[in-house]
């Protein structure tokens, strides 16, 4: 896991230094209601993310979240750590509505009690502003490299992710946001669904 994170972070930072590009920092913290494996077993979840973006709209995002233990006999505390690097290369307008879109790639590690899953892949991120709200949507597909989420808890699962967030500014540097996320791990016929929704604070500097 450290190798994957180091390679992605190193490439982003090297690119920013080479271009002498200043970085903008985006920090998010949140609380959520989360379910892993069984939708009726909703548990509290807490998470934090750090995003760094350079003047060319290339970014690096580090994210960690933990949901408390549920009653799944095969599961337990769920913790997810991920790192992504992306490039928002499309900047346009639809009428008066600004639209930014780009691709990202990265790595994710899941611990779910004694189970785990390593996956790597990428997806699409789209962002716009409507009525003062900043809306962000992400979809991704990650290939399972190793793990025990799949069939008979003996193989990795491929991970499919949907994420949506709406943020409203409190002032120039602080916003409140709400989000929904669904991840589905599929491994040789076995599957695990993770859903969460919550609210948080976002600071930019």
N, C-alpha and C. Protein backbone atom coordinates (compact mmCIF):
# COMPACT_ATOMS: atom_id res chain seq x y z
N UNK A 1 0.83 -1.20 0.00
CA UNK A 1 0.00 0.00 0.00
C UNK A 1 0.86 1.25 0.00
N UNK A 2 1.94 1.28 0.80
CA UNK A 2 2.80 2.46 0.86
C UNK A 2 3.44 2.75 -0.49
N UNK A 3 3.77 1.70 -1.26
CA UNK A 3 4.38 1.88 -2.56
C UNK A 3 3.41 2.58 -3.51
N UNK A 4 2.14 2.11 -3.54
CA UNK A 4 1.14 2.72 -4.42
C UNK A 4 0.95 4.19 -4.08
N UNK A 5 0.78 4.51 -2.80
CA UNK A 5 0.56 5.88 -2.37
C UNK A 5 1.77 6.74 -2.69
N UNK A 6 2.95 6.23 -2.46
CA UNK A 6 4.18 6.98 -2.71
C UNK A 6 4.36 7.31 -4.18
N UNK A 7 4.08 6.36 -5.07
CA UNK A 7 4.23 6.60 -6.50
C UNK A 7 3.27 7.69 -6.97
N UNK A 8 2.00 7.60 -6.58
CA UNK A 8 0.99 8.57 -7.02
C UNK A 8 1.31 9.95 -6.49
N UNK A 9 1.60 10.05 -5.19
CA UNK A 9 1.91 11.35 -4.58
C UNK A 9 3.19 11.92 -5.16
N UNK A 10 4.19 11.08 -5.37
CA UNK A 10 5.46 11.56 -5.90
C UNK A 10 5.33 12.13 -7.30
N UNK A 11 4.53 11.49 -8.16
CA UNK A 11 4.34 11.98 -9.53
C UNK A 11 3.65 13.34 -9.52
N UNK A 12 2.63 13.50 -8.67
CA UNK A 12 1.92 14.78 -8.60
C UNK A 12 2.82 15.89 -8.10
N UNK A 13 3.54 15.64 -7.02
CA UNK A 13 4.39 16.68 -6.44
C UNK A 13 5.54 17.04 -7.38
N UNK A 14 6.10 16.05 -8.07
CA UNK A 14 7.18 16.33 -9.01
C UNK A 14 6.68 17.21 -10.15
N UNK A 15 5.45 16.93 -10.62
CA UNK A 15 4.87 17.75 -11.69
C UNK A 15 4.66 19.18 -11.24
N UNK A 16 4.16 19.37 -10.02
CA UNK A 16 3.90 20.71 -9.50
C UNK A 16 5.20 21.49 -9.30
N UNK A 17 6.23 20.82 -8.79
CA UNK A 17 7.51 21.49 -8.57
C UNK A 17 8.14 21.88 -9.91
N UNK A 18 8.06 20.98 -10.90
CA UNK A 18 8.64 21.26 -12.20
C UNK A 18 8.01 22.48 -12.86
N UNK A 19 6.71 22.68 -12.60
CA UNK A 19 6.02 23.83 -13.19
C UNK A 19 6.03 25.04 -12.26
N UNK A 20 6.69 24.93 -11.10
CA UNK A 20 6.71 26.00 -10.10
C UNK A 20 5.28 26.48 -9.83
N UNK A 21 4.38 25.52 -9.68
CA UNK A 21 2.96 25.83 -9.56
C UNK A 21 2.55 25.90 -8.09
N UNK A 22 1.93 27.01 -7.64
CA UNK A 22 1.43 27.08 -6.26
C UNK A 22 0.27 26.12 -6.06
N UNK A 23 0.12 25.64 -4.84
CA UNK A 23 -0.92 24.66 -4.55
C UNK A 23 -2.06 25.30 -3.76
N UNK A 24 -3.28 24.90 -4.08
CA UNK A 24 -4.44 25.25 -3.27
C UNK A 24 -4.82 24.02 -2.47
N UNK A 25 -5.11 24.21 -1.18
CA UNK A 25 -5.43 23.11 -0.28
C UNK A 25 -6.91 23.11 0.06
N UNK A 26 -7.49 21.94 0.06
CA UNK A 26 -8.90 21.74 0.37
C UNK A 26 -8.97 20.63 1.43
N UNK A 27 -9.47 20.99 2.62
CA UNK A 27 -9.57 20.02 3.71
C UNK A 27 -11.04 19.80 4.04
N UNK A 28 -11.45 18.54 4.12
CA UNK A 28 -12.83 18.19 4.46
C UNK A 28 -12.86 17.22 5.62
N UNK A 29 -13.80 17.44 6.52
CA UNK A 29 -14.06 16.51 7.61
C UNK A 29 -15.56 16.29 7.70
N UNK A 30 -15.99 15.07 8.04
CA UNK A 30 -17.42 14.79 8.03
C UNK A 30 -17.81 13.67 8.99
N UNK A 31 -19.10 13.63 9.27
CA UNK A 31 -19.72 12.52 9.97
C UNK A 31 -20.82 11.97 9.10
N UNK A 32 -21.07 10.66 9.19
CA UNK A 32 -22.01 10.04 8.27
C UNK A 32 -22.68 8.83 8.93
N UNK A 33 -23.76 8.39 8.29
CA UNK A 33 -24.38 7.10 8.60
C UNK A 33 -23.94 6.13 7.51
N UNK A 34 -23.43 4.98 7.92
CA UNK A 34 -22.81 4.06 6.97
C UNK A 34 -23.32 2.64 7.17
N UNK A 35 -23.41 1.91 6.07
CA UNK A 35 -23.72 0.48 6.14
C UNK A 35 -22.70 -0.28 5.32
N UNK A 36 -22.20 -1.38 5.86
CA UNK A 36 -21.31 -2.28 5.13
C UNK A 36 -21.94 -3.67 5.14
N UNK A 37 -22.10 -4.26 3.98
CA UNK A 37 -22.56 -5.62 3.80
C UNK A 37 -24.06 -5.77 4.04
N UNK A 38 -24.61 -5.18 5.10
CA UNK A 38 -26.04 -5.31 5.41
C UNK A 38 -26.63 -3.93 5.61
N UNK A 39 -27.62 -3.56 4.78
CA UNK A 39 -28.17 -2.21 4.83
C UNK A 39 -28.87 -1.91 6.14
N UNK A 40 -29.37 -2.95 6.84
CA UNK A 40 -30.06 -2.70 8.10
C UNK A 40 -29.09 -2.45 9.26
N UNK A 41 -27.80 -2.65 9.03
CA UNK A 41 -26.80 -2.44 10.08
C UNK A 41 -26.11 -1.09 9.87
N UNK A 42 -26.81 -0.01 10.13
CA UNK A 42 -26.27 1.32 9.95
C UNK A 42 -25.43 1.71 11.16
N UNK A 43 -24.24 2.24 10.89
CA UNK A 43 -23.32 2.62 11.96
C UNK A 43 -22.74 4.01 11.68
N UNK A 44 -22.28 4.71 12.75
CA UNK A 44 -21.64 6.02 12.53
C UNK A 44 -20.32 5.86 11.77
N UNK A 45 -20.04 6.86 10.95
CA UNK A 45 -18.79 6.89 10.19
C UNK A 45 -18.19 8.29 10.29
N UNK A 46 -16.86 8.34 10.33
CA UNK A 46 -16.15 9.61 10.38
C UNK A 46 -15.03 9.57 9.35
N UNK A 47 -14.83 10.71 8.68
CA UNK A 47 -13.81 10.72 7.65
C UNK A 47 -13.18 12.08 7.46
N UNK A 48 -12.05 12.09 6.76
CA UNK A 48 -11.33 13.33 6.46
C UNK A 48 -10.62 13.16 5.13
N UNK A 49 -10.48 14.29 4.42
CA UNK A 49 -9.81 14.28 3.12
C UNK A 49 -8.96 15.53 2.97
N UNK A 50 -7.83 15.38 2.31
CA UNK A 50 -6.96 16.50 1.96
C UNK A 50 -6.77 16.47 0.45
N UNK A 51 -7.10 17.59 -0.21
CA UNK A 51 -6.91 17.70 -1.65
C UNK A 51 -5.97 18.86 -1.95
N UNK A 52 -4.98 18.62 -2.79
CA UNK A 52 -4.04 19.65 -3.23
C UNK A 52 -4.17 19.81 -4.74
N UNK A 53 -4.37 21.05 -5.20
CA UNK A 53 -4.55 21.30 -6.63
C UNK A 53 -3.61 22.41 -7.08
N UNK A 54 -2.95 22.20 -8.23
CA UNK A 54 -2.05 23.21 -8.75
C UNK A 54 -2.77 24.13 -9.74
N UNK A 55 -2.05 25.09 -10.28
CA UNK A 55 -2.65 26.09 -11.16
C UNK A 55 -3.14 25.50 -12.47
N UNK A 56 -2.67 24.31 -12.85
CA UNK A 56 -3.11 23.65 -14.07
C UNK A 56 -4.27 22.69 -13.83
N UNK A 57 -4.88 22.79 -12.62
CA UNK A 57 -6.06 21.99 -12.27
C UNK A 57 -5.75 20.50 -12.15
N UNK A 58 -4.50 20.17 -11.90
CA UNK A 58 -4.13 18.80 -11.56
C UNK A 58 -4.16 18.69 -10.04
N UNK A 59 -4.65 17.57 -9.53
CA UNK A 59 -4.85 17.47 -8.09
C UNK A 59 -4.46 16.10 -7.54
N UNK A 60 -4.18 16.11 -6.25
CA UNK A 60 -3.90 14.90 -5.49
C UNK A 60 -4.84 14.89 -4.29
N UNK A 61 -5.54 13.78 -4.06
CA UNK A 61 -6.48 13.68 -2.94
C UNK A 61 -6.14 12.48 -2.06
N UNK A 62 -6.00 12.73 -0.77
CA UNK A 62 -5.79 11.69 0.24
C UNK A 62 -7.04 11.62 1.09
N UNK A 63 -7.56 10.41 1.33
CA UNK A 63 -8.84 10.27 2.01
C UNK A 63 -8.81 9.06 2.94
N UNK A 64 -9.37 9.23 4.14
CA UNK A 64 -9.48 8.12 5.09
C UNK A 64 -10.83 8.22 5.79
N UNK A 65 -11.46 7.08 6.02
CA UNK A 65 -12.73 7.06 6.74
C UNK A 65 -12.87 5.75 7.50
N UNK A 66 -13.63 5.80 8.62
CA UNK A 66 -13.83 4.64 9.47
C UNK A 66 -15.28 4.57 9.91
N UNK A 67 -15.90 3.41 9.75
CA UNK A 67 -17.25 3.15 10.25
C UNK A 67 -17.16 2.16 11.41
N UNK A 68 -17.95 2.38 12.45
CA UNK A 68 -17.89 1.53 13.63
C UNK A 68 -18.37 0.11 13.32
N UNK A 69 -18.01 -0.82 14.19
CA UNK A 69 -18.30 -2.24 14.00
C UNK A 69 -19.81 -2.50 13.95
N UNK A 70 -20.21 -3.40 13.04
CA UNK A 70 -21.60 -3.84 13.00
C UNK A 70 -21.69 -5.29 13.47
N UNK A 71 -22.84 -5.94 13.24
CA UNK A 71 -23.05 -7.30 13.73
C UNK A 71 -22.75 -8.36 12.69
N UNK A 72 -22.17 -7.98 11.58
CA UNK A 72 -21.79 -8.95 10.56
C UNK A 72 -20.73 -9.89 11.14
N UNK A 73 -21.00 -11.20 11.20
CA UNK A 73 -20.03 -12.12 11.80
C UNK A 73 -18.71 -12.20 11.04
N UNK A 74 -18.73 -11.85 9.76
CA UNK A 74 -17.50 -11.88 8.97
C UNK A 74 -16.81 -10.53 8.91
N UNK A 75 -17.45 -9.49 9.49
CA UNK A 75 -16.93 -8.15 9.33
C UNK A 75 -16.43 -7.55 10.63
N UNK A 76 -16.60 -6.24 10.76
CA UNK A 76 -16.12 -5.52 11.93
C UNK A 76 -16.01 -4.05 11.62
N UNK A 77 -15.05 -3.37 12.23
CA UNK A 77 -14.80 -1.97 11.91
C UNK A 77 -14.36 -1.87 10.45
N UNK A 78 -14.95 -0.92 9.74
CA UNK A 78 -14.62 -0.74 8.32
C UNK A 78 -13.79 0.53 8.16
N UNK A 79 -12.59 0.39 7.62
CA UNK A 79 -11.70 1.53 7.39
C UNK A 79 -11.23 1.52 5.94
N UNK A 80 -11.32 2.67 5.29
CA UNK A 80 -10.91 2.79 3.89
C UNK A 80 -9.90 3.92 3.78
N UNK A 81 -8.76 3.64 3.16
CA UNK A 81 -7.73 4.65 2.88
C UNK A 81 -7.51 4.68 1.37
N UNK A 82 -7.50 5.88 0.79
CA UNK A 82 -7.33 5.97 -0.65
C UNK A 82 -6.48 7.18 -1.03
N UNK A 83 -5.87 7.10 -2.20
CA UNK A 83 -5.11 8.21 -2.76
C UNK A 83 -5.41 8.27 -4.26
N UNK A 84 -5.72 9.48 -4.75
CA UNK A 84 -6.05 9.66 -6.16
C UNK A 84 -5.33 10.87 -6.71
N UNK A 85 -4.94 10.79 -7.98
CA UNK A 85 -4.39 11.94 -8.70
C UNK A 85 -5.21 12.12 -9.96
N UNK A 86 -5.56 13.39 -10.27
CA UNK A 86 -6.41 13.64 -11.42
C UNK A 86 -6.07 14.93 -12.13
N UNK A 87 -6.71 15.12 -13.27
CA UNK A 87 -6.51 16.30 -14.10
C UNK A 87 -7.87 16.78 -14.60
N UNK A 88 -8.30 17.97 -14.14
CA UNK A 88 -9.54 18.57 -14.63
C UNK A 88 -9.22 19.34 -15.91
N UNK A 89 -9.25 18.64 -17.02
CA UNK A 89 -8.78 19.22 -18.28
C UNK A 89 -9.87 19.92 -19.08
N UNK A 90 -11.15 19.71 -18.72
CA UNK A 90 -12.24 20.34 -19.46
C UNK A 90 -12.86 21.46 -18.63
N UNK A 91 -12.89 22.67 -19.20
CA UNK A 91 -13.48 23.83 -18.53
C UNK A 91 -14.37 24.55 -19.54
N UNK A 92 -15.67 24.51 -19.31
CA UNK A 92 -16.60 25.08 -20.27
C UNK A 92 -17.84 25.59 -19.54
N UNK A 93 -18.84 26.02 -20.29
CA UNK A 93 -20.11 26.48 -19.73
C UNK A 93 -21.26 25.83 -20.49
N UNK A 94 -22.31 25.53 -19.77
CA UNK A 94 -23.58 25.14 -20.38
C UNK A 94 -24.56 26.24 -20.04
N UNK A 95 -24.81 27.13 -20.98
CA UNK A 95 -25.54 28.35 -20.67
C UNK A 95 -24.70 29.21 -19.75
N UNK A 96 -25.25 29.58 -18.60
CA UNK A 96 -24.51 30.35 -17.60
C UNK A 96 -23.88 29.46 -16.53
N UNK A 97 -23.99 28.15 -16.71
CA UNK A 97 -23.52 27.22 -15.69
C UNK A 97 -22.11 26.73 -16.02
N UNK A 98 -21.12 27.00 -15.16
CA UNK A 98 -19.76 26.51 -15.43
C UNK A 98 -19.69 25.00 -15.25
N UNK A 99 -18.85 24.36 -16.02
CA UNK A 99 -18.70 22.91 -15.95
C UNK A 99 -17.23 22.55 -16.05
N UNK A 100 -16.76 21.76 -15.09
CA UNK A 100 -15.39 21.26 -15.09
C UNK A 100 -15.44 19.74 -15.05
N UNK A 101 -14.62 19.09 -15.85
CA UNK A 101 -14.59 17.62 -15.87
C UNK A 101 -13.17 17.14 -16.10
N UNK A 102 -12.90 15.94 -15.61
CA UNK A 102 -11.58 15.36 -15.80
C UNK A 102 -11.53 13.92 -15.34
N UNK A 103 -10.41 13.29 -15.58
CA UNK A 103 -10.19 11.90 -15.21
C UNK A 103 -9.23 11.82 -14.03
N UNK A 104 -9.36 10.74 -13.25
CA UNK A 104 -8.44 10.52 -12.15
C UNK A 104 -8.13 9.03 -12.02
N UNK A 105 -7.02 8.73 -11.38
CA UNK A 105 -6.60 7.35 -11.15
C UNK A 105 -6.00 7.25 -9.76
N UNK A 106 -6.06 6.05 -9.18
CA UNK A 106 -5.51 5.92 -7.84
C UNK A 106 -5.62 4.53 -7.27
N UNK A 107 -5.50 4.48 -5.97
CA UNK A 107 -5.40 3.23 -5.22
C UNK A 107 -6.25 3.31 -3.97
N UNK A 108 -6.88 2.19 -3.58
CA UNK A 108 -7.70 2.16 -2.38
C UNK A 108 -7.46 0.87 -1.61
N UNK A 109 -7.44 0.99 -0.27
CA UNK A 109 -7.31 -0.19 0.59
C UNK A 109 -8.47 -0.19 1.58
N UNK A 110 -9.17 -1.31 1.68
CA UNK A 110 -10.28 -1.49 2.62
C UNK A 110 -9.93 -2.54 3.66
N UNK A 111 -10.15 -2.21 4.93
CA UNK A 111 -10.16 -3.20 6.01
C UNK A 111 -11.60 -3.31 6.49
N UNK A 112 -12.13 -4.51 6.57
CA UNK A 112 -13.48 -4.74 7.09
C UNK A 112 -13.38 -5.88 8.09
N UNK A 113 -13.10 -5.53 9.36
CA UNK A 113 -12.79 -6.57 10.34
C UNK A 113 -11.57 -7.34 9.87
N UNK A 114 -11.64 -8.67 9.83
CA UNK A 114 -10.49 -9.46 9.38
C UNK A 114 -10.34 -9.50 7.85
N UNK A 115 -11.33 -9.01 7.13
CA UNK A 115 -11.28 -9.01 5.68
C UNK A 115 -10.57 -7.76 5.16
N UNK A 116 -10.09 -7.83 3.92
CA UNK A 116 -9.44 -6.66 3.33
C UNK A 116 -9.58 -6.70 1.83
N UNK A 117 -9.30 -5.57 1.18
CA UNK A 117 -9.32 -5.52 -0.28
C UNK A 117 -8.40 -4.40 -0.76
N UNK A 118 -7.50 -4.74 -1.69
CA UNK A 118 -6.65 -3.76 -2.37
C UNK A 118 -7.17 -3.58 -3.79
N UNK A 119 -7.32 -2.35 -4.23
CA UNK A 119 -7.79 -2.15 -5.60
C UNK A 119 -7.19 -0.89 -6.19
N UNK A 120 -7.10 -0.88 -7.50
CA UNK A 120 -6.53 0.25 -8.22
C UNK A 120 -7.31 0.47 -9.50
N UNK A 121 -7.50 1.73 -9.88
CA UNK A 121 -8.25 2.03 -11.09
C UNK A 121 -8.44 3.52 -11.26
N UNK A 122 -9.58 3.92 -11.80
CA UNK A 122 -9.80 5.33 -12.03
C UNK A 122 -11.23 5.62 -12.41
N UNK A 123 -11.48 6.92 -12.71
CA UNK A 123 -12.84 7.29 -13.03
C UNK A 123 -12.93 8.72 -13.54
N UNK A 124 -14.15 9.24 -13.50
CA UNK A 124 -14.50 10.55 -14.03
C UNK A 124 -15.01 11.43 -12.90
N UNK A 125 -14.55 12.69 -12.84
CA UNK A 125 -15.07 13.66 -11.89
C UNK A 125 -15.62 14.86 -12.65
N UNK A 126 -16.85 15.27 -12.30
CA UNK A 126 -17.52 16.41 -12.92
C UNK A 126 -17.95 17.38 -11.82
N UNK A 127 -17.78 18.67 -12.06
CA UNK A 127 -18.14 19.68 -11.06
C UNK A 127 -18.80 20.88 -11.74
N UNK A 128 -19.84 21.43 -11.07
CA UNK A 128 -20.51 22.61 -11.58
C UNK A 128 -21.04 23.42 -10.40
N UNK A 129 -21.60 24.60 -10.70
CA UNK A 129 -22.21 25.45 -9.66
C UNK A 129 -23.61 25.85 -10.09
N UNK A 130 -24.56 25.66 -9.17
CA UNK A 130 -25.96 25.97 -9.41
C UNK A 130 -26.55 26.63 -8.17
N UNK A 131 -27.08 27.84 -8.31
CA UNK A 131 -27.76 28.54 -7.21
C UNK A 131 -26.88 28.62 -5.96
N UNK A 132 -25.60 28.87 -6.16
CA UNK A 132 -24.67 28.99 -5.04
C UNK A 132 -24.10 27.69 -4.55
N UNK A 133 -24.63 26.57 -5.01
CA UNK A 133 -24.13 25.25 -4.61
C UNK A 133 -23.04 24.79 -5.56
N UNK A 134 -21.95 24.25 -5.01
CA UNK A 134 -20.95 23.57 -5.82
C UNK A 134 -21.26 22.09 -5.81
N UNK A 135 -21.58 21.53 -6.97
CA UNK A 135 -21.98 20.13 -7.09
C UNK A 135 -20.84 19.33 -7.69
N UNK A 136 -20.50 18.22 -7.04
CA UNK A 136 -19.42 17.35 -7.50
C UNK A 136 -19.93 15.93 -7.62
N UNK A 137 -19.65 15.27 -8.74
CA UNK A 137 -20.02 13.87 -8.93
C UNK A 137 -18.81 13.09 -9.41
N UNK A 138 -18.67 11.87 -8.88
CA UNK A 138 -17.56 11.00 -9.29
C UNK A 138 -18.09 9.59 -9.52
N UNK A 139 -17.61 8.95 -10.57
CA UNK A 139 -17.85 7.53 -10.80
C UNK A 139 -16.50 6.88 -11.08
N UNK A 140 -16.33 5.66 -10.58
CA UNK A 140 -15.03 5.00 -10.75
C UNK A 140 -15.20 3.49 -10.78
N UNK A 141 -14.23 2.84 -11.37
CA UNK A 141 -14.13 1.38 -11.36
C UNK A 141 -12.71 1.02 -10.96
N UNK A 142 -12.58 0.17 -9.93
CA UNK A 142 -11.27 -0.22 -9.41
C UNK A 142 -11.11 -1.73 -9.51
N UNK A 143 -9.98 -2.16 -10.01
CA UNK A 143 -9.70 -3.59 -10.17
C UNK A 143 -9.10 -4.15 -8.88
N UNK A 144 -9.66 -5.25 -8.40
CA UNK A 144 -9.17 -5.87 -7.18
C UNK A 144 -7.82 -6.54 -7.39
N UNK A 145 -6.80 -6.05 -6.69
CA UNK A 145 -5.45 -6.60 -6.84
C UNK A 145 -5.23 -7.80 -5.92
N UNK A 146 -5.71 -7.68 -4.68
CA UNK A 146 -5.60 -8.77 -3.71
C UNK A 146 -6.64 -8.53 -2.64
N UNK A 147 -6.98 -9.58 -1.89
CA UNK A 147 -7.94 -9.40 -0.82
C UNK A 147 -8.79 -10.62 -0.54
N UNK A 148 -9.78 -10.45 0.35
CA UNK A 148 -10.61 -11.57 0.81
C UNK A 148 -12.09 -11.20 0.80
N UNK A 149 -12.48 -10.25 -0.05
CA UNK A 149 -13.88 -9.83 -0.13
C UNK A 149 -14.68 -10.75 -1.05
N UNK A 150 -14.03 -11.36 -2.03
CA UNK A 150 -14.72 -12.11 -3.07
C UNK A 150 -15.20 -13.48 -2.65
N UNK A 151 -15.40 -14.33 -3.63
CA UNK A 151 -16.03 -15.63 -3.45
C UNK A 151 -15.42 -16.44 -2.30
N UNK A 152 -16.30 -16.91 -1.39
CA UNK A 152 -15.88 -17.66 -0.20
C UNK A 152 -14.82 -16.91 0.61
N UNK A 153 -14.86 -15.57 0.52
CA UNK A 153 -13.94 -14.72 1.28
C UNK A 153 -12.48 -15.12 1.04
N UNK A 154 -12.18 -15.44 -0.21
CA UNK A 154 -10.83 -15.92 -0.52
C UNK A 154 -10.24 -15.28 -1.76
N UNK A 155 -10.84 -14.20 -2.26
CA UNK A 155 -10.28 -13.54 -3.43
C UNK A 155 -10.65 -12.06 -3.38
N UNK A 156 -9.94 -11.21 -4.15
CA UNK A 156 -10.25 -9.79 -4.15
C UNK A 156 -11.54 -9.49 -4.88
N UNK A 157 -12.10 -8.31 -4.60
CA UNK A 157 -13.29 -7.86 -5.31
C UNK A 157 -12.99 -6.61 -6.12
N UNK A 158 -13.61 -6.53 -7.29
CA UNK A 158 -13.54 -5.29 -8.06
C UNK A 158 -14.54 -4.29 -7.46
N UNK A 159 -14.17 -3.02 -7.42
CA UNK A 159 -14.94 -2.01 -6.70
C UNK A 159 -15.50 -0.99 -7.68
N UNK A 160 -16.82 -0.75 -7.59
CA UNK A 160 -17.49 0.23 -8.43
C UNK A 160 -18.07 1.32 -7.53
N UNK A 161 -17.74 2.57 -7.82
CA UNK A 161 -17.99 3.68 -6.90
C UNK A 161 -18.84 4.76 -7.55
N UNK A 162 -19.83 5.25 -6.80
CA UNK A 162 -20.56 6.46 -7.17
C UNK A 162 -20.53 7.41 -5.98
N UNK A 163 -20.27 8.70 -6.24
CA UNK A 163 -20.17 9.69 -5.16
C UNK A 163 -20.75 11.01 -5.64
N UNK A 164 -21.57 11.64 -4.80
CA UNK A 164 -22.11 12.95 -5.11
C UNK A 164 -22.03 13.86 -3.90
N UNK A 165 -21.65 15.13 -4.13
CA UNK A 165 -21.49 16.08 -3.02
C UNK A 165 -22.04 17.45 -3.43
N UNK A 166 -22.73 18.11 -2.49
CA UNK A 166 -23.22 19.47 -2.69
C UNK A 166 -22.66 20.33 -1.56
N UNK A 167 -21.95 21.43 -1.91
CA UNK A 167 -21.33 22.30 -0.92
C UNK A 167 -21.88 23.71 -1.05
N UNK A 168 -22.12 24.35 0.10
CA UNK A 168 -22.64 25.72 0.11
C UNK A 168 -21.68 26.59 0.92
N UNK A 169 -21.23 27.73 0.35
CA UNK A 169 -20.22 28.54 1.04
C UNK A 169 -20.78 29.29 2.25
N UNK A 170 -20.03 29.26 3.36
CA UNK A 170 -20.33 30.07 4.53
C UNK A 170 -19.60 31.41 4.41
N UNK A 171 -18.36 31.35 3.96
CA UNK A 171 -17.58 32.54 3.63
C UNK A 171 -16.59 32.15 2.54
N UNK A 172 -15.59 32.99 2.30
CA UNK A 172 -14.67 32.75 1.19
C UNK A 172 -13.90 31.44 1.33
N UNK A 173 -13.61 31.04 2.55
CA UNK A 173 -12.76 29.87 2.78
C UNK A 173 -13.46 28.66 3.37
N UNK A 174 -14.70 28.81 3.81
CA UNK A 174 -15.38 27.73 4.53
C UNK A 174 -16.72 27.42 3.89
N UNK A 175 -17.01 26.12 3.73
CA UNK A 175 -18.29 25.67 3.19
C UNK A 175 -18.82 24.52 4.03
N UNK A 176 -20.13 24.34 3.98
CA UNK A 176 -20.76 23.15 4.54
C UNK A 176 -21.15 22.27 3.35
N UNK A 177 -21.15 20.95 3.54
CA UNK A 177 -21.51 20.07 2.43
C UNK A 177 -22.26 18.85 2.92
N UNK A 178 -23.00 18.26 2.00
CA UNK A 178 -23.67 16.98 2.22
C UNK A 178 -23.28 16.06 1.07
N UNK A 179 -23.24 14.75 1.34
CA UNK A 179 -22.81 13.82 0.29
C UNK A 179 -23.52 12.48 0.41
N UNK A 180 -23.50 11.74 -0.68
CA UNK A 180 -23.92 10.33 -0.70
C UNK A 180 -22.84 9.56 -1.45
N UNK A 181 -22.66 8.30 -1.06
CA UNK A 181 -21.66 7.46 -1.74
C UNK A 181 -22.13 6.01 -1.70
N UNK A 182 -21.90 5.31 -2.77
CA UNK A 182 -22.14 3.87 -2.80
C UNK A 182 -20.96 3.18 -3.45
N UNK A 183 -20.49 2.11 -2.82
CA UNK A 183 -19.44 1.27 -3.39
C UNK A 183 -19.94 -0.17 -3.40
N UNK A 184 -19.65 -0.85 -4.47
CA UNK A 184 -20.04 -2.26 -4.56
C UNK A 184 -18.82 -3.09 -4.97
N UNK A 185 -18.42 -3.96 -4.07
CA UNK A 185 -17.28 -4.86 -4.31
C UNK A 185 -17.85 -6.18 -4.85
N UNK A 186 -17.37 -6.59 -6.02
CA UNK A 186 -17.85 -7.82 -6.64
C UNK A 186 -16.66 -8.72 -6.93
N UNK A 187 -16.70 -9.95 -6.40
CA UNK A 187 -15.60 -10.88 -6.60
C UNK A 187 -16.06 -12.28 -6.86
N UNK A 188 -16.07 -12.71 -8.12
CA UNK A 188 -16.45 -14.07 -8.52
C UNK A 188 -17.81 -14.47 -7.98
N UNK A 189 -18.79 -13.61 -8.12
CA UNK A 189 -20.15 -13.95 -7.71
C UNK A 189 -20.53 -13.45 -6.34
N UNK A 190 -19.58 -13.26 -5.46
CA UNK A 190 -19.87 -12.71 -4.14
C UNK A 190 -19.82 -11.18 -4.23
N UNK A 191 -20.56 -10.49 -3.36
CA UNK A 191 -20.55 -9.03 -3.42
C UNK A 191 -20.72 -8.44 -2.03
N UNK A 192 -20.25 -7.23 -1.88
CA UNK A 192 -20.39 -6.46 -0.65
C UNK A 192 -20.73 -5.03 -1.04
N UNK A 193 -21.81 -4.50 -0.48
CA UNK A 193 -22.23 -3.14 -0.79
C UNK A 193 -21.99 -2.23 0.41
N UNK A 194 -21.38 -1.08 0.16
CA UNK A 194 -21.12 -0.08 1.20
C UNK A 194 -21.83 1.21 0.80
N UNK A 195 -22.68 1.71 1.67
CA UNK A 195 -23.42 2.94 1.40
C UNK A 195 -23.23 3.90 2.57
N UNK A 196 -23.07 5.18 2.29
CA UNK A 196 -23.00 6.17 3.36
C UNK A 196 -23.51 7.51 2.88
N UNK A 197 -24.06 8.27 3.82
CA UNK A 197 -24.52 9.62 3.55
C UNK A 197 -24.24 10.46 4.79
N UNK A 198 -23.82 11.72 4.58
CA UNK A 198 -23.44 12.52 5.74
C UNK A 198 -23.27 13.99 5.41
N UNK A 199 -22.81 14.74 6.42
CA UNK A 199 -22.58 16.17 6.28
C UNK A 199 -21.22 16.51 6.86
N UNK A 200 -20.65 17.64 6.43
CA UNK A 200 -19.33 18.01 6.94
C UNK A 200 -18.99 19.45 6.63
N UNK A 201 -17.74 19.80 6.95
CA UNK A 201 -17.18 21.12 6.71
C UNK A 201 -16.01 21.02 5.76
N UNK A 202 -15.85 22.04 4.93
CA UNK A 202 -14.79 22.08 3.93
C UNK A 202 -14.09 23.44 4.03
N UNK A 203 -12.76 23.41 4.14
CA UNK A 203 -11.97 24.63 4.23
C UNK A 203 -10.99 24.69 3.06
N UNK A 204 -10.85 25.87 2.46
CA UNK A 204 -9.91 26.07 1.36
C UNK A 204 -8.91 27.15 1.74
N UNK A 205 -7.65 26.92 1.41
CA UNK A 205 -6.63 27.94 1.63
C UNK A 205 -5.44 27.70 0.72
